[in-house]
Every structure is written in structure tokens, then in C-alpha cells.
Amino acid sequence: METRHSEWWREAPGPTDRDGVCSSELIGSFDIWLSRRLSEAHRRGQNLAFFDTDLFRDPDGLWNGWAHIFFDPGCPPVLGDRWTVYEIFPAG
């Protein structure tokens, strides 16, 4: 069965062998990565913002391709269109 990827996948920076990666493997890695960042944001009492970066395998063999920052409630940084923001703790 042929696997088709959208254009962003083919043009994204990162490893040249990514066409051999199963999409469920990449999604599973993102799930673990995001769960860890959200847990840390909750622990810190801060909000989370992230964006896509170059894909690489971390020392545990999981895919990683996301940069992130934490920021205090009510103090959102100026971010570009590429960022996804989780406002866990609204300004109040």
C-alpha cells in the first residue's frame, strides 16, 4: 500500500529518511512529548507555547521536532503564526 504524505512532510527540514517513518510512530512521539510539556507547565503554574522545528531522534529513540517555552499567566510573549499556545492558566 502506498503511503502519501502532505507537502509539509516532504519539505520539512530534518532527516532524509523520514519517508520510512510510520505516521503512528511520529504521532506517538508527539503525544509523549506534549504530555511531558503539559505536565511540566502544570507543575510550574505556567502556560505552554510550542512550534515545529527540525525532526530528529532523541536519545530514547523518540522523534522530537518541537521547540517550546513556558510563560506566566497574563504575560503572553509576542509569538508568530507558527506557534501553538496552550493557555492552561488564564490571566485572572
Protein backbone atom coordinates (compact mmCIF):
# COMPACT_ATOMS: atom_id res chain seq x y z
CA MET A 1 0.00 0.00 0.00
CA GLU A 2 1.38 3.38 -0.96
CA THR A 3 1.86 5.93 1.80
CA ARG A 4 1.11 9.52 0.86
CA HIS A 5 2.35 12.46 2.87
CA SER A 6 1.26 16.05 2.56
CA GLU A 7 3.72 18.53 1.10
CA TRP A 8 4.77 19.91 4.51
CA TRP A 9 6.12 16.47 5.39
CA ARG A 10 8.24 16.24 2.24
CA GLU A 11 9.55 19.80 2.53
CA ALA A 12 10.08 19.86 6.30
CA PRO A 13 13.70 20.10 7.42
CA GLY A 14 15.14 17.12 9.23
CA PRO A 15 16.26 13.59 8.48
CA THR A 16 16.19 12.48 4.87
CA ASP A 17 14.91 9.01 5.82
CA ARG A 18 11.65 10.27 7.29
CA ASP A 19 9.61 8.67 4.49
CA GLY A 20 10.35 5.36 6.21
CA VAL A 21 8.75 6.55 9.44
CA CYS A 22 5.33 5.24 10.30
CA SER A 23 2.90 8.11 10.94
CA SER A 24 1.69 6.43 14.13
CA GLU A 25 5.30 6.44 15.39
CA LEU A 26 5.58 10.19 14.82
CA ILE A 27 2.16 10.88 16.38
CA GLY A 28 3.03 8.66 19.34
CA SER A 29 6.28 10.58 19.87
CA PHE A 30 4.39 13.88 19.73
CA ASP A 31 1.84 12.57 22.24
CA ILE A 32 4.61 11.69 24.70
CA TRP A 33 6.42 14.99 24.09
CA LEU A 34 3.27 17.10 24.55
CA SER A 35 2.13 15.18 27.63
CA ARG A 36 5.51 15.81 29.26
CA ARG A 37 5.46 19.53 28.42
CA LEU A 38 1.87 19.95 29.68
CA SER A 39 2.74 18.13 32.90
CA GLU A 40 5.72 20.42 33.41
CA ALA A 41 3.60 23.50 32.65
CA HIS A 42 1.06 22.42 35.28
CA ARG A 43 3.81 21.80 37.81
CA ARG A 44 5.32 25.23 37.13
CA GLY A 45 1.96 27.05 37.08
CA GLN A 46 2.72 28.42 33.63
CA ASN A 47 1.29 28.30 30.13
CA LEU A 48 2.90 26.50 27.20
CA ALA A 49 3.66 27.57 23.64
CA PHE A 50 5.43 25.47 21.02
CA PHE A 51 6.23 25.28 17.32
CA ASP A 52 7.61 22.74 14.85
CA THR A 53 11.37 22.54 14.31
CA ASP A 54 13.73 20.12 12.57
CA LEU A 55 12.89 16.48 13.23
CA PHE A 56 15.46 14.33 15.00
CA ARG A 57 15.52 11.26 17.20
CA ASP A 58 16.22 11.89 20.87
CA PRO A 59 18.41 9.57 22.98
CA ASP A 60 15.35 7.44 23.82
CA GLY A 61 14.66 6.85 20.11
CA LEU A 62 11.55 9.04 20.04
CA TRP A 63 11.02 11.66 17.36
CA ASN A 64 11.43 15.23 18.51
CA GLY A 65 10.75 18.27 16.37
CA TRP A 66 9.19 20.86 18.62
CA ALA A 67 10.60 23.86 20.44
CA HIS A 68 8.73 25.27 23.41
CA ILE A 69 8.58 27.99 26.01
CA PHE A 70 6.69 28.39 29.27
CA PHE A 71 5.24 31.76 30.21
CA ASP A 72 3.43 33.23 33.19
CA PRO A 73 -0.35 33.74 33.13
CA GLY A 74 -1.21 37.23 31.96
CA CYS A 75 2.23 37.73 30.40
CA PRO A 76 1.98 36.20 26.93
CA PRO A 77 5.06 36.70 24.77
CA VAL A 78 4.75 38.09 21.27
CA LEU A 79 4.70 34.99 19.08
CA GLY A 80 4.49 34.39 15.35
CA ASP A 81 1.89 32.44 13.39
CA ARG A 82 3.85 29.19 13.72
CA TRP A 83 3.23 28.93 17.46
CA THR A 84 0.55 26.86 19.19
CA VAL A 85 -0.42 28.22 22.62
CA TYR A 86 -1.96 26.27 25.50
CA GLU A 87 -3.34 28.82 27.94
CA ILE A 88 -3.64 26.45 30.89
CA PHE A 89 -3.78 29.21 33.48
CA PRO A 90 -5.77 32.19 32.17
CA ALA A 91 -4.92 35.66 33.43
CA GLY A 92 -7.13 36.44 36.29
